[in-house]
Amino acid sequence: MASLTPERKTARWLVLVAVVMVGLSFAAVPFYSWFCKTTGYAGTTSVSKHAPDKPLDQMVTVRFDASKDRDMPWTFKAVQNSMKLKIGETGLAFFEATNPTDHVIAGQASYNVTPDQAGGYFTKIACFCFTAQILQPGQTVQMPVTFYVDPSIVQDREAKYINEITLSYTFHEIPLDVAEAALAPDTSKPIN
């Protein structure tokens, strides 16, 4: 078997490096998402099925912010600007989206919580974020988010002084076929 020339060895190494870099770039997204959800880094919230049994007497104001990507034609707003609730108390807020166009548009929301130190303590029970939304021409929908602020925030030496938290959502347009595929029922599992 003939040995490889230095040029062919270099080319093979470059191809290998490129394949590894592409693989790592795809792995970076889920890893970063897991890291942020685990640590609350960059204002990433926690998720729970229910709020604590006993809220604290300490109050916090939660402000709601709605924005959209520059190319997203929907209108999108928070139904209420803010609410004041006890730490550990369940809150329910609504956001409203309207498709003012004459064609179907799909969108998906990303979120952020500020200040960043509050992200790990802001806990969502139910949310429309990261779920594809498909709006028909002229359709308006109200989308709920159920949440609470984890009582353990008062034990954090920096976060315990936070008395105002902002929950921000940004809607982005996504391809309609991607949204429909995401919303399609999973037929691979048997129905009991």
N, C-alpha and C. Protein backbone atom coordinates (compact mmCIF):
# COMPACT_ATOMS: atom_id res chain seq x y z
N MET A 1 0.85 -1.17 0.00
CA MET A 1 0.00 0.00 0.00
C MET A 1 0.89 1.23 0.00
N ALA A 2 0.61 2.16 -0.86
CA ALA A 2 1.43 3.37 -0.98
C ALA A 2 1.15 4.29 0.19
N SER A 3 2.21 4.95 0.62
CA SER A 3 2.03 5.88 1.74
C SER A 3 1.47 7.20 1.21
N LEU A 4 0.80 7.91 2.11
CA LEU A 4 0.17 9.17 1.72
C LEU A 4 1.22 10.27 1.60
N THR A 5 0.99 11.14 0.66
CA THR A 5 1.87 12.29 0.51
C THR A 5 1.57 13.26 1.64
N PRO A 6 2.50 14.15 1.97
CA PRO A 6 2.24 15.15 3.02
C PRO A 6 1.00 15.99 2.72
N GLU A 7 0.75 16.29 1.46
CA GLU A 7 -0.43 17.09 1.10
C GLU A 7 -1.72 16.34 1.41
N ARG A 8 -1.74 15.03 1.12
CA ARG A 8 -2.94 14.22 1.39
C ARG A 8 -3.14 14.05 2.90
N LYS A 9 -2.07 13.88 3.64
CA LYS A 9 -2.18 13.78 5.10
C LYS A 9 -2.77 15.08 5.67
N THR A 10 -2.26 16.20 5.19
CA THR A 10 -2.76 17.50 5.66
C THR A 10 -4.23 17.66 5.30
N ALA A 11 -4.59 17.28 4.08
CA ALA A 11 -5.99 17.39 3.64
C ALA A 11 -6.90 16.51 4.51
N ARG A 12 -6.47 15.30 4.83
CA ARG A 12 -7.27 14.42 5.69
C ARG A 12 -7.43 15.01 7.09
N TRP A 13 -6.36 15.56 7.62
CA TRP A 13 -6.44 16.20 8.94
C TRP A 13 -7.40 17.39 8.91
N LEU A 14 -7.34 18.18 7.87
CA LEU A 14 -8.24 19.33 7.77
C LEU A 14 -9.70 18.90 7.67
N VAL A 15 -9.96 17.84 6.92
CA VAL A 15 -11.32 17.32 6.83
C VAL A 15 -11.77 16.81 8.20
N LEU A 16 -10.92 16.09 8.90
CA LEU A 16 -11.25 15.59 10.23
C LEU A 16 -11.53 16.74 11.20
N VAL A 17 -10.70 17.75 11.17
CA VAL A 17 -10.90 18.92 12.04
C VAL A 17 -12.23 19.59 11.71
N ALA A 18 -12.54 19.74 10.43
CA ALA A 18 -13.81 20.37 10.03
C ALA A 18 -15.01 19.56 10.51
N VAL A 19 -14.94 18.23 10.37
CA VAL A 19 -16.04 17.37 10.83
C VAL A 19 -16.22 17.47 12.34
N VAL A 20 -15.14 17.47 13.09
CA VAL A 20 -15.21 17.59 14.55
C VAL A 20 -15.80 18.96 14.93
N MET A 21 -15.36 20.01 14.27
CA MET A 21 -15.86 21.36 14.59
C MET A 21 -17.36 21.48 14.31
N VAL A 22 -17.83 20.92 13.20
CA VAL A 22 -19.26 20.94 12.90
C VAL A 22 -20.02 20.14 13.96
N GLY A 23 -19.52 18.98 14.31
CA GLY A 23 -20.16 18.18 15.36
C GLY A 23 -20.25 18.91 16.68
N LEU A 24 -19.16 19.57 17.06
CA LEU A 24 -19.16 20.33 18.31
C LEU A 24 -20.11 21.51 18.25
N SER A 25 -20.24 22.12 17.09
CA SER A 25 -21.15 23.27 16.99
C SER A 25 -22.59 22.82 17.20
N PHE A 26 -22.96 21.64 16.70
CA PHE A 26 -24.31 21.14 16.94
C PHE A 26 -24.50 20.73 18.40
N ALA A 27 -23.48 20.22 19.04
CA ALA A 27 -23.58 19.82 20.45
C ALA A 27 -23.60 21.03 21.38
N ALA A 28 -23.08 22.16 20.92
CA ALA A 28 -22.98 23.34 21.78
C ALA A 28 -24.35 23.87 22.17
N VAL A 29 -25.32 23.84 21.26
CA VAL A 29 -26.64 24.39 21.55
C VAL A 29 -27.33 23.63 22.68
N PRO A 30 -27.48 22.31 22.59
CA PRO A 30 -28.13 21.63 23.72
C PRO A 30 -27.31 21.69 25.01
N PHE A 31 -25.99 21.67 24.90
CA PHE A 31 -25.17 21.78 26.10
C PHE A 31 -25.35 23.14 26.77
N TYR A 32 -25.34 24.21 25.97
CA TYR A 32 -25.52 25.55 26.53
C TYR A 32 -26.91 25.69 27.15
N SER A 33 -27.93 25.15 26.48
CA SER A 33 -29.29 25.18 27.02
C SER A 33 -29.35 24.45 28.36
N TRP A 34 -28.76 23.26 28.44
CA TRP A 34 -28.74 22.50 29.69
C TRP A 34 -28.00 23.29 30.77
N PHE A 35 -26.85 23.86 30.44
CA PHE A 35 -26.06 24.62 31.40
C PHE A 35 -26.86 25.80 31.95
N CYS A 36 -27.51 26.55 31.05
CA CYS A 36 -28.27 27.72 31.49
C CYS A 36 -29.46 27.32 32.36
N LYS A 37 -30.16 26.25 31.98
CA LYS A 37 -31.31 25.81 32.78
C LYS A 37 -30.88 25.31 34.14
N THR A 38 -29.73 24.66 34.21
CA THR A 38 -29.25 24.11 35.47
C THR A 38 -28.76 25.20 36.41
N THR A 39 -28.09 26.21 35.87
CA THR A 39 -27.46 27.22 36.71
C THR A 39 -28.24 28.53 36.79
N GLY A 40 -29.21 28.75 35.89
CA GLY A 40 -29.89 30.04 35.84
C GLY A 40 -29.04 31.10 35.15
N TYR A 41 -27.94 30.67 34.53
CA TYR A 41 -27.03 31.59 33.85
C TYR A 41 -27.76 32.35 32.76
N ALA A 42 -27.42 33.62 32.61
CA ALA A 42 -27.96 34.50 31.56
C ALA A 42 -29.47 34.65 31.67
N GLY A 43 -29.99 34.61 32.88
CA GLY A 43 -31.42 34.84 33.09
C GLY A 43 -32.30 33.67 32.69
N THR A 44 -31.72 32.48 32.56
CA THR A 44 -32.51 31.31 32.19
C THR A 44 -33.32 30.85 33.40
N THR A 45 -34.59 30.58 33.16
CA THR A 45 -35.49 30.23 34.25
C THR A 45 -35.44 28.75 34.57
N SER A 46 -36.05 28.41 35.70
CA SER A 46 -36.23 27.01 36.09
C SER A 46 -37.63 26.59 35.67
N VAL A 47 -37.90 25.29 35.76
CA VAL A 47 -39.21 24.76 35.41
C VAL A 47 -39.67 23.86 36.55
N SER A 48 -40.97 23.91 36.86
CA SER A 48 -41.55 23.08 37.92
C SER A 48 -42.97 22.73 37.54
N LYS A 49 -43.54 21.73 38.19
CA LYS A 49 -44.92 21.35 37.94
C LYS A 49 -45.90 22.13 38.82
N HIS A 50 -45.42 22.63 39.95
CA HIS A 50 -46.30 23.37 40.85
C HIS A 50 -45.47 24.29 41.75
N ALA A 51 -46.15 25.27 42.33
CA ALA A 51 -45.50 26.25 43.21
C ALA A 51 -45.36 25.67 44.61
N PRO A 52 -44.51 26.30 45.43
CA PRO A 52 -44.38 25.86 46.83
C PRO A 52 -45.71 25.99 47.58
N ASP A 53 -45.85 25.22 48.63
CA ASP A 53 -47.10 25.24 49.41
C ASP A 53 -47.29 26.55 50.17
N LYS A 54 -46.20 27.12 50.69
CA LYS A 54 -46.32 28.32 51.51
C LYS A 54 -45.50 29.45 50.93
N PRO A 55 -46.17 30.47 50.37
CA PRO A 55 -45.42 31.64 49.92
C PRO A 55 -44.91 32.44 51.11
N LEU A 56 -43.88 33.21 50.89
CA LEU A 56 -43.34 34.09 51.92
C LEU A 56 -44.16 35.37 52.00
N ASP A 57 -43.96 36.15 53.04
CA ASP A 57 -44.64 37.44 53.14
C ASP A 57 -43.97 38.50 52.28
N GLN A 58 -42.71 38.27 51.91
CA GLN A 58 -41.96 39.23 51.12
C GLN A 58 -42.53 39.32 49.70
N MET A 59 -42.69 40.55 49.20
CA MET A 59 -43.29 40.78 47.90
C MET A 59 -42.21 41.04 46.83
N VAL A 60 -42.58 40.75 45.59
CA VAL A 60 -41.71 41.04 44.45
C VAL A 60 -42.62 41.53 43.32
N THR A 61 -42.11 42.47 42.54
CA THR A 61 -42.84 42.96 41.37
C THR A 61 -42.25 42.29 40.14
N VAL A 62 -43.11 41.70 39.34
CA VAL A 62 -42.68 41.07 38.09
C VAL A 62 -43.21 41.93 36.95
N ARG A 63 -42.29 42.42 36.13
CA ARG A 63 -42.65 43.23 34.95
C ARG A 63 -42.61 42.33 33.72
N PHE A 64 -43.42 42.66 32.73
CA PHE A 64 -43.52 41.86 31.53
C PHE A 64 -43.15 42.70 30.31
N ASP A 65 -42.29 42.13 29.49
CA ASP A 65 -41.79 42.83 28.31
C ASP A 65 -42.01 41.94 27.09
N ALA A 66 -42.53 42.52 26.02
CA ALA A 66 -42.78 41.77 24.79
C ALA A 66 -42.11 42.50 23.63
N SER A 67 -41.34 41.75 22.86
CA SER A 67 -40.72 42.32 21.66
C SER A 67 -40.76 41.26 20.56
N LYS A 68 -40.35 41.67 19.38
CA LYS A 68 -40.32 40.72 18.28
C LYS A 68 -39.12 41.01 17.42
N ASP A 69 -38.70 39.97 16.72
CA ASP A 69 -37.60 40.09 15.79
C ASP A 69 -37.98 41.11 14.72
N ARG A 70 -37.01 41.80 14.20
CA ARG A 70 -37.23 42.87 13.22
C ARG A 70 -38.08 42.43 12.05
N ASP A 71 -37.92 41.19 11.60
CA ASP A 71 -38.65 40.71 10.42
C ASP A 71 -39.97 40.02 10.76
N MET A 72 -40.32 39.93 12.03
CA MET A 72 -41.57 39.28 12.43
C MET A 72 -42.73 40.24 12.24
N PRO A 73 -43.71 39.90 11.38
CA PRO A 73 -44.79 40.85 11.09
C PRO A 73 -45.91 40.89 12.14
N TRP A 74 -45.92 39.99 13.10
CA TRP A 74 -46.97 39.99 14.11
C TRP A 74 -46.90 41.25 14.96
N THR A 75 -48.00 41.52 15.66
CA THR A 75 -47.94 42.44 16.80
C THR A 75 -47.89 41.52 18.02
N PHE A 76 -47.16 41.96 19.03
CA PHE A 76 -46.96 41.13 20.21
C PHE A 76 -46.83 42.04 21.41
N LYS A 77 -47.61 41.78 22.46
CA LYS A 77 -47.57 42.63 23.65
C LYS A 77 -47.93 41.84 24.90
N ALA A 78 -47.52 42.38 26.02
CA ALA A 78 -47.93 41.84 27.32
C ALA A 78 -49.32 42.42 27.61
N VAL A 79 -50.24 41.59 28.07
CA VAL A 79 -51.59 42.07 28.38
C VAL A 79 -51.55 42.99 29.60
N GLN A 80 -50.70 42.68 30.57
CA GLN A 80 -50.51 43.54 31.74
C GLN A 80 -49.03 43.90 31.81
N ASN A 81 -48.74 45.09 32.30
CA ASN A 81 -47.34 45.54 32.37
C ASN A 81 -46.58 44.91 33.51
N SER A 82 -47.26 44.67 34.64
CA SER A 82 -46.58 44.12 35.80
C SER A 82 -47.60 43.53 36.77
N MET A 83 -47.09 42.78 37.72
CA MET A 83 -47.91 42.30 38.83
C MET A 83 -47.03 42.16 40.07
N LYS A 84 -47.65 42.39 41.20
CA LYS A 84 -46.95 42.26 42.47
C LYS A 84 -47.50 41.01 43.16
N LEU A 85 -46.58 40.14 43.60
CA LEU A 85 -47.02 38.93 44.27
C LEU A 85 -46.00 38.54 45.33
N LYS A 86 -46.45 37.66 46.21
CA LYS A 86 -45.56 37.16 47.25
C LYS A 86 -44.54 36.21 46.64
N ILE A 87 -43.35 36.18 47.20
CA ILE A 87 -42.36 35.21 46.75
C ILE A 87 -42.88 33.82 47.08
N GLY A 88 -42.94 32.96 46.06
CA GLY A 88 -43.49 31.61 46.20
C GLY A 88 -44.94 31.51 45.78
N GLU A 89 -45.61 32.63 45.54
CA GLU A 89 -47.00 32.64 45.11
C GLU A 89 -47.07 32.44 43.59
N THR A 90 -48.07 31.70 43.14
CA THR A 90 -48.23 31.47 41.71
C THR A 90 -48.80 32.70 41.03
N GLY A 91 -48.17 33.08 39.92
CA GLY A 91 -48.65 34.19 39.10
C GLY A 91 -49.10 33.67 37.75
N LEU A 92 -50.06 34.35 37.16
CA LEU A 92 -50.56 34.00 35.82
C LEU A 92 -50.59 35.28 35.00
N ALA A 93 -49.81 35.32 33.94
CA ALA A 93 -49.75 36.49 33.07
C ALA A 93 -50.10 36.05 31.65
N PHE A 94 -50.57 37.01 30.85
CA PHE A 94 -50.93 36.72 29.46
C PHE A 94 -50.17 37.65 28.52
N PHE A 95 -49.80 37.07 27.39
CA PHE A 95 -49.20 37.83 26.29
C PHE A 95 -50.12 37.64 25.09
N GLU A 96 -50.20 38.67 24.25
CA GLU A 96 -51.12 38.63 23.11
C GLU A 96 -50.35 38.81 21.81
N ALA A 97 -50.65 37.94 20.85
CA ALA A 97 -50.04 38.02 19.52
C ALA A 97 -51.14 38.09 18.47
N THR A 98 -50.91 38.92 17.45
CA THR A 98 -51.85 39.06 16.35
C THR A 98 -51.09 38.95 15.04
N ASN A 99 -51.67 38.22 14.11
CA ASN A 99 -51.12 38.12 12.76
C ASN A 99 -51.94 39.07 11.86
N PRO A 100 -51.42 40.26 11.57
CA PRO A 100 -52.18 41.23 10.78
C PRO A 100 -52.08 41.00 9.26
N THR A 101 -51.38 39.96 8.84
CA THR A 101 -51.15 39.73 7.42
C THR A 101 -52.29 38.92 6.80
N ASP A 102 -52.17 38.66 5.51
CA ASP A 102 -53.17 37.86 4.81
C ASP A 102 -52.70 36.43 4.56
N HIS A 103 -51.67 35.99 5.30
CA HIS A 103 -51.17 34.62 5.15
C HIS A 103 -50.79 34.05 6.52
N VAL A 104 -50.74 32.72 6.59
CA VAL A 104 -50.40 32.02 7.83
C VAL A 104 -48.94 32.27 8.17
N ILE A 105 -48.67 32.55 9.44
CA ILE A 105 -47.29 32.77 9.90
C ILE A 105 -47.06 31.98 11.18
N ALA A 106 -45.91 31.33 11.25
CA ALA A 106 -45.52 30.57 12.44
C ALA A 106 -44.46 31.36 13.19
N GLY A 107 -44.50 31.27 14.50
CA GLY A 107 -43.51 31.96 15.32
C GLY A 107 -43.14 31.13 16.54
N GLN A 108 -42.04 31.52 17.13
CA GLN A 108 -41.57 30.86 18.35
C GLN A 108 -40.94 31.94 19.23
N ALA A 109 -41.19 31.85 20.52
CA ALA A 109 -40.68 32.86 21.46
C ALA A 109 -39.46 32.35 22.21
N SER A 110 -38.52 33.25 22.40
CA SER A 110 -37.42 33.00 23.32
C SER A 110 -37.65 33.93 24.51
N TYR A 111 -37.01 33.65 25.62
CA TYR A 111 -37.27 34.44 26.83
C TYR A 111 -35.97 34.79 27.54
N ASN A 112 -36.11 35.72 28.45
CA ASN A 112 -34.99 36.10 29.30
C ASN A 112 -35.55 36.72 30.57
N VAL A 113 -34.83 36.58 31.65
CA VAL A 113 -35.20 37.19 32.93
C VAL A 113 -34.07 38.09 33.37
N THR A 114 -34.41 39.30 33.79
CA THR A 114 -33.42 40.22 34.35
C THR A 114 -33.92 40.69 35.70
N PRO A 115 -33.02 40.95 36.62
CA PRO A 115 -31.57 40.79 36.53
C PRO A 115 -31.19 39.31 36.43
N ASP A 116 -30.01 39.07 35.88
CA ASP A 116 -29.54 37.71 35.66
C ASP A 116 -29.56 36.86 36.92
N GLN A 117 -29.28 37.47 38.08
CA GLN A 117 -29.23 36.71 39.34
C GLN A 117 -30.59 36.11 39.69
N ALA A 118 -31.67 36.67 39.13
CA ALA A 118 -33.02 36.16 39.42
C ALA A 118 -33.40 34.99 38.54
N GLY A 119 -32.68 34.77 37.45
CA GLY A 119 -33.05 33.74 36.47
C GLY A 119 -33.24 32.36 37.07
N GLY A 120 -32.34 31.93 37.91
CA GLY A 120 -32.44 30.60 38.49
C GLY A 120 -33.55 30.47 39.51
N TYR A 121 -34.11 31.59 39.97
CA TYR A 121 -35.18 31.56 40.97
C TYR A 121 -36.55 31.82 40.35
N PHE A 122 -36.56 32.32 39.12
CA PHE A 122 -37.83 32.54 38.42
C PHE A 122 -38.22 31.20 37.79
N THR A 123 -39.31 30.63 38.26
CA THR A 123 -39.67 29.27 37.88
C THR A 123 -40.99 29.27 37.12
N LYS A 124 -40.96 28.68 35.92
CA LYS A 124 -42.17 28.59 35.10
C LYS A 124 -42.83 27.24 35.31
N ILE A 125 -44.14 27.28 35.48
CA ILE A 125 -44.94 26.06 35.61
C ILE A 125 -45.50 25.69 34.24
N ALA A 126 -45.98 26.67 33.50
CA ALA A 126 -46.48 26.46 32.14
C ALA A 126 -46.14 27.70 31.32
N CYS A 127 -45.75 27.48 30.05
CA CYS A 127 -45.29 28.60 29.25
C CYS A 127 -45.44 28.29 27.76
N PHE A 128 -45.66 29.32 26.97
CA PHE A 128 -45.75 29.18 25.52
C PHE A 128 -44.38 29.27 24.85
N CYS A 129 -43.36 29.59 25.61
CA CYS A 129 -42.03 29.77 25.02
C CYS A 129 -41.49 28.46 24.48
N PHE A 130 -40.74 28.54 23.44
CA PHE A 130 -40.12 27.41 22.76
C PHE A 130 -41.13 26.41 22.21
N THR A 131 -42.39 26.81 22.11
CA THR A 131 -43.40 26.01 21.45
C THR A 131 -43.83 26.78 20.21
N ALA A 132 -43.86 26.11 19.09
CA ALA A 132 -44.27 26.77 17.85
C ALA A 132 -45.71 27.27 17.98
N GLN A 133 -45.95 28.46 17.49
CA GLN A 133 -47.28 29.06 17.46
C GLN A 133 -47.60 29.34 15.99
N ILE A 134 -48.78 28.91 15.53
CA ILE A 134 -49.20 29.16 14.16
C ILE A 134 -50.44 30.02 14.20
N LEU A 135 -50.36 31.20 13.60
CA LEU A 135 -51.49 32.12 13.57
C LEU A 135 -52.00 32.27 12.14
N GLN A 136 -53.31 32.13 12.01
CA GLN A 136 -53.97 32.32 10.72
C GLN A 136 -54.06 33.82 10.42
N PRO A 137 -54.34 34.21 9.18
CA PRO A 137 -54.47 35.63 8.85
C PRO A 137 -55.51 36.31 9.74
N GLY A 138 -55.14 37.41 10.36
CA GLY A 138 -56.04 38.18 11.22
C GLY A 138 -56.28 37.58 12.59
N GLN A 139 -55.70 36.44 12.91
CA GLN A 139 -55.96 35.77 14.19
C GLN A 139 -55.20 36.45 15.33
N THR A 140 -55.87 36.54 16.48
CA THR A 140 -55.27 37.02 17.71
C THR A 140 -55.39 35.93 18.76
N VAL A 141 -54.30 35.68 19.48
CA VAL A 141 -54.32 34.68 20.55
C VAL A 141 -53.73 35.30 21.82
N GLN A 142 -54.23 34.83 22.95
CA GLN A 142 -53.62 35.17 24.23
C GLN A 142 -52.94 33.91 24.74
N MET A 143 -51.68 34.09 25.12
CA MET A 143 -50.85 32.96 25.55
C MET A 143 -50.48 33.15 27.02
N PRO A 144 -50.81 32.17 27.87
CA PRO A 144 -50.53 32.30 29.30
C PRO A 144 -49.14 31.82 29.68
N VAL A 145 -48.64 32.38 30.76
CA VAL A 145 -47.44 31.87 31.41
C VAL A 145 -47.75 31.82 32.91
N THR A 146 -47.55 30.66 33.51
CA THR A 146 -47.77 30.47 34.94
C THR A 146 -46.40 30.32 35.58
N PHE A 147 -46.17 31.03 36.66
CA PHE A 147 -44.82 31.09 37.23
C PHE A 147 -44.87 31.40 38.73
N TYR A 148 -43.71 31.30 39.35
CA TYR A 148 -43.51 31.79 40.72
C TYR A 148 -42.03 32.12 40.90
N VAL A 149 -41.75 32.89 41.92
CA VAL A 149 -40.36 33.18 42.29
C VAL A 149 -40.02 32.26 43.46
N ASP A 150 -39.01 31.44 43.28
CA ASP A 150 -38.63 30.44 44.28
C ASP A 150 -38.24 31.12 45.60
N PRO A 151 -38.83 30.68 46.73
CA PRO A 151 -38.50 31.28 48.03
C PRO A 151 -37.03 31.20 48.40
N SER A 152 -36.27 30.28 47.81
CA SER A 152 -34.85 30.19 48.15
C SER A 152 -34.06 31.42 47.67
N ILE A 153 -34.71 32.31 46.91
CA ILE A 153 -34.04 33.55 46.49
C ILE A 153 -33.61 34.39 47.69
N VAL A 154 -34.38 34.29 48.78
CA VAL A 154 -34.05 35.11 49.96
C VAL A 154 -32.82 34.61 50.69
N GLN A 155 -32.31 33.43 50.34
CA GLN A 155 -31.10 32.91 50.96
C GLN A 155 -29.85 33.19 50.14
N ASP A 156 -30.03 33.71 48.93
CA ASP A 156 -28.90 34.04 48.06
C ASP A 156 -28.38 35.42 48.46
N ARG A 157 -27.10 35.52 48.76
CA ARG A 157 -26.56 36.78 49.30
C ARG A 157 -26.67 37.95 48.33
N GLU A 158 -26.73 37.70 47.03
CA GLU A 158 -26.91 38.80 46.07
C GLU A 158 -28.37 38.94 45.65
N ALA A 159 -29.02 37.83 45.36
CA ALA A 159 -30.38 37.88 44.82
C ALA A 159 -31.43 38.26 45.86
N LYS A 160 -31.12 38.12 47.14
CA LYS A 160 -32.15 38.39 48.16
C LYS A 160 -32.58 39.86 48.19
N TYR A 161 -31.82 40.74 47.59
CA TYR A 161 -32.17 42.16 47.56
C TYR A 161 -32.97 42.55 46.33
N ILE A 162 -33.23 41.60 45.47
CA ILE A 162 -34.01 41.88 44.26
C ILE A 162 -35.48 42.01 44.62
N ASN A 163 -36.07 43.13 44.26
CA ASN A 163 -37.50 43.31 44.52
C ASN A 163 -38.29 43.55 43.24
N GLU A 164 -37.58 43.51 42.08
CA GLU A 164 -38.24 43.68 40.79
C GLU A 164 -37.56 42.78 39.76
N ILE A 165 -38.35 41.99 39.07
CA ILE A 165 -37.85 41.06 38.06
C ILE A 165 -38.59 41.34 36.76
N THR A 166 -37.87 41.31 35.64
CA THR A 166 -38.50 41.50 34.34
C THR A 166 -38.43 40.21 33.54
N LEU A 167 -39.59 39.75 33.08
CA LEU A 167 -39.69 38.59 32.21
C LEU A 167 -39.91 39.12 30.79
N SER A 168 -38.97 38.83 29.91
CA SER A 168 -39.03 39.32 28.52
C SER A 168 -39.19 38.16 27.56
N TYR A 169 -40.05 38.37 26.57
CA TYR A 169 -40.21 37.41 25.48
C TYR A 169 -39.96 38.11 24.17
N THR A 170 -39.30 37.41 23.25
CA THR A 170 -39.10 37.91 21.90
C THR A 170 -39.60 36.85 20.93
N PHE A 171 -40.52 37.25 20.03
CA PHE A 171 -41.03 36.31 19.03
C PHE A 171 -40.22 36.41 17.75
N HIS A 172 -39.93 35.23 17.17
CA HIS A 172 -39.19 35.11 15.92
C HIS A 172 -40.05 34.32 14.95
N GLU A 173 -40.03 34.70 13.68
CA GLU A 173 -40.74 33.92 12.67
C GLU A 173 -39.94 32.65 12.39
N ILE A 174 -40.65 31.54 12.24
CA ILE A 174 -40.01 30.27 11.89
C ILE A 174 -40.72 29.71 10.66
N PRO A 175 -40.06 28.84 9.90
CA PRO A 175 -40.72 28.24 8.73
C PRO A 175 -41.98 27.47 9.14
N LEU A 176 -43.02 27.63 8.36
CA LEU A 176 -44.30 26.99 8.67
C LEU A 176 -44.18 25.47 8.74
N ASP A 177 -43.41 24.86 7.85
CA ASP A 177 -43.28 23.40 7.87
C ASP A 177 -42.58 22.91 9.13
N VAL A 178 -41.66 23.68 9.65
CA VAL A 178 -40.97 23.33 10.91
C VAL A 178 -41.96 23.40 12.07
N ALA A 179 -42.78 24.44 12.09
CA ALA A 179 -43.77 24.60 13.15
C ALA A 179 -44.80 23.48 13.11
N GLU A 180 -45.28 23.15 11.91
CA GLU A 180 -46.27 22.07 11.79
C GLU A 180 -45.69 20.74 12.22
N ALA A 181 -44.44 20.48 11.88
CA ALA A 181 -43.79 19.23 12.29
C ALA A 181 -43.64 19.18 13.81
N ALA A 182 -43.30 20.31 14.42
CA ALA A 182 -43.13 20.35 15.88
C ALA A 182 -44.44 20.13 16.61
N LEU A 183 -45.54 20.57 16.00
CA LEU A 183 -46.85 20.45 16.65
C LEU A 183 -47.57 19.14 16.32
N ALA A 184 -47.04 18.38 15.36
CA ALA A 184 -47.68 17.13 14.97
C ALA A 184 -47.62 16.12 16.11
N PRO A 185 -48.69 15.35 16.31
CA PRO A 185 -48.66 14.35 17.39
C PRO A 185 -47.65 13.26 17.08
N ASP A 186 -47.09 12.71 18.15
CA ASP A 186 -46.12 11.62 18.02
C ASP A 186 -46.88 10.32 17.84
N THR A 187 -46.87 9.78 16.62
CA THR A 187 -47.60 8.56 16.32
C THR A 187 -46.77 7.30 16.55
N SER A 188 -45.52 7.47 17.00
CA SER A 188 -44.68 6.30 17.21
C SER A 188 -44.99 5.60 18.54
N LYS A 189 -45.72 6.27 19.43
CA LYS A 189 -46.05 5.67 20.72
C LYS A 189 -47.49 5.17 20.69
N PRO A 190 -47.73 3.98 21.24
CA PRO A 190 -49.11 3.47 21.26
C PRO A 190 -49.97 4.28 22.22
N ILE A 191 -51.22 4.42 21.88
CA ILE A 191 -52.19 5.12 22.74
C ILE A 191 -52.79 4.12 23.68
N ASN A 192 -52.75 4.40 24.99
CA ASN A 192 -53.30 3.48 25.99
C ASN A 192 -54.77 3.70 26.19
